[in-house]
Amino acid sequence: MTNPPTYPQPAVELAGFVEDYLYGCEPAAGCGVCAALAKELAGARAAGVYSKAYDAAAEIRNHPHPRPRDGN
């Protein structure tokens, strides 16, 4: 009879997928609000305050900007 481990296995690394999903955003060029939020995002990630970093990334993604019109 074997003795199966009674402890959790090591964590699975998802090769940056989760970080890209949570914090991936592109600030709009020339937008002061997006620039300030990007600075806040970088500072929060560097400090390890991931809930604040996620909030800043979500605000960047959701910040309204006019959509460019096509030639028609």
C-alpha atoms as a PDB file:
ATOM      1  CA  MET A   1       0.000   0.000   0.000  1.00  0.00           C
ATOM      2  CA  THR A   2       1.306   3.448  -0.885  1.00  0.00           C
ATOM      3  CA  ASN A   3       1.046   6.560   1.212  1.00  0.00           C
ATOM      4  CA  PRO A   4      -0.511   9.350  -0.890  1.00  0.00           C
ATOM      5  CA  PRO A   5       0.504  12.898   0.055  1.00  0.00           C
ATOM      6  CA  THR A   6      -1.870  14.584   2.467  1.00  0.00           C
ATOM      7  CA  TYR A   7      -0.797  18.091   1.536  1.00  0.00           C
ATOM      8  CA  PRO A   8      -1.645  20.277  -1.464  1.00  0.00           C
ATOM      9  CA  GLN A   9       0.484  20.069  -4.553  1.00  0.00           C
ATOM     10  CA  PRO A  10       2.649  23.035  -5.595  1.00  0.00           C
ATOM     11  CA  ALA A  11       0.899  25.976  -7.227  1.00  0.00           C
ATOM     12  CA  VAL A  12       0.429  25.904 -10.978  1.00  0.00           C
ATOM     13  CA  GLU A  13       2.098  28.769 -12.864  1.00  0.00           C
ATOM     14  CA  LEU A  14       0.015  30.119 -15.722  1.00  0.00           C
ATOM     15  CA  ALA A  15       2.941  31.853 -17.468  1.00  0.00           C
ATOM     16  CA  GLY A  16       1.704  35.402 -17.117  1.00  0.00           C
ATOM     17  CA  PHE A  17      -1.792  34.733 -18.463  1.00  0.00           C
ATOM     18  CA  VAL A  18      -3.513  35.802 -15.263  1.00  0.00           C
ATOM     19  CA  GLU A  19      -1.384  38.940 -14.895  1.00  0.00           C
ATOM     20  CA  ASP A  20      -2.106  39.926 -18.498  1.00  0.00           C
ATOM     21  CA  TYR A  21      -5.797  39.281 -17.965  1.00  0.00           C
ATOM     22  CA  LEU A  22      -6.022  41.266 -14.722  1.00  0.00           C
ATOM     23  CA  TYR A  23      -3.641  44.130 -15.397  1.00  0.00           C
ATOM     24  CA  GLY A  24      -3.422  44.268 -19.174  1.00  0.00           C
ATOM     25  CA  CYS A  25      -4.713  47.593 -20.431  1.00  0.00           C
ATOM     26  CA  GLU A  26      -3.612  50.265 -22.873  1.00  0.00           C
ATOM     27  CA  PRO A  27      -3.913  53.901 -21.751  1.00  0.00           C
ATOM     28  CA  ALA A  28      -5.191  56.206 -24.487  1.00  0.00           C
ATOM     29  CA  ALA A  29      -2.508  58.440 -25.961  1.00  0.00           C
ATOM     30  CA  GLY A  30      -2.777  62.031 -24.796  1.00  0.00           C
ATOM     31  CA  CYS A  31      -5.313  61.317 -22.051  1.00  0.00           C
ATOM     32  CA  GLY A  32      -4.265  62.758 -18.689  1.00  0.00           C
ATOM     33  CA  VAL A  33      -6.665  60.543 -16.739  1.00  0.00           C
ATOM     34  CA  CYS A  34      -5.301  57.387 -18.360  1.00  0.00           C
ATOM     35  CA  ALA A  35      -1.719  58.552 -17.753  1.00  0.00           C
ATOM     36  CA  ALA A  36      -2.420  59.136 -14.054  1.00  0.00           C
ATOM     37  CA  LEU A  37      -4.127  55.752 -13.748  1.00  0.00           C
ATOM     38  CA  ALA A  38      -1.210  54.026 -15.506  1.00  0.00           C
ATOM     39  CA  LYS A  39       1.182  55.607 -12.999  1.00  0.00           C
ATOM     40  CA  GLU A  40      -1.068  54.450 -10.141  1.00  0.00           C
ATOM     41  CA  LEU A  41      -1.192  50.950 -11.645  1.00  0.00           C
ATOM     42  CA  ALA A  42       2.596  50.727 -11.894  1.00  0.00           C
ATOM     43  CA  GLY A  43       3.070  51.979  -8.333  1.00  0.00           C
ATOM     44  CA  ALA A  44       0.509  49.586  -6.901  1.00  0.00           C
ATOM     45  CA  ARG A  45       2.057  46.596  -8.701  1.00  0.00           C
ATOM     46  CA  ALA A  46       5.535  47.582  -7.503  1.00  0.00           C
ATOM     47  CA  ALA A  47       4.241  47.883  -3.922  1.00  0.00           C
ATOM     48  CA  GLY A  48       2.391  44.563  -4.137  1.00  0.00           C
ATOM     49  CA  VAL A  49      -1.050  46.115  -3.565  1.00  0.00           C
ATOM     50  CA  TYR A  50      -2.772  44.024  -6.197  1.00  0.00           C
ATOM     51  CA  SER A  51      -6.362  45.023  -5.446  1.00  0.00           C
ATOM     52  CA  LYS A  52      -5.462  48.669  -6.072  1.00  0.00           C
ATOM     53  CA  ALA A  53      -3.566  47.674  -9.220  1.00  0.00           C
ATOM     54  CA  TYR A  54      -6.587  45.773 -10.543  1.00  0.00           C
ATOM     55  CA  ASP A  55      -8.877  48.736  -9.822  1.00  0.00           C
ATOM     56  CA  ALA A  56      -6.575  51.100 -11.739  1.00  0.00           C
ATOM     57  CA  ALA A  57      -6.365  48.694 -14.696  1.00  0.00           C
ATOM     58  CA  ALA A  58     -10.146  48.320 -14.771  1.00  0.00           C
ATOM     59  CA  GLU A  59     -10.571  52.106 -14.758  1.00  0.00           C
ATOM     60  CA  ILE A  60      -8.154  52.446 -17.672  1.00  0.00           C
ATOM     61  CA  ARG A  61     -10.058  49.801 -19.642  1.00  0.00           C
ATOM     62  CA  ASN A  62     -13.429  51.424 -18.878  1.00  0.00           C
ATOM     63  CA  HIS A  63     -12.429  55.077 -19.280  1.00  0.00           C
ATOM     64  CA  PRO A  64     -14.529  56.511 -22.129  1.00  0.00           C
ATOM     65  CA  HIS A  65     -12.830  57.878 -25.230  1.00  0.00           C
ATOM     66  CA  PRO A  66     -14.399  58.824 -28.539  1.00  0.00           C
ATOM     67  CA  ARG A  67     -14.072  56.079 -31.096  1.00  0.00           C
ATOM     68  CA  PRO A  68     -12.432  57.019 -34.390  1.00  0.00           C
ATOM     69  CA  ARG A  69     -14.825  57.167 -37.309  1.00  0.00           C
ATOM     70  CA  ASP A  70     -14.192  55.189 -40.429  1.00  0.00           C
ATOM     71  CA  GLY A  71     -14.027  56.908 -43.826  1.00  0.00           C
ATOM     72  CA  ASN A  72     -17.681  56.196 -44.743  1.00  0.00           C
END
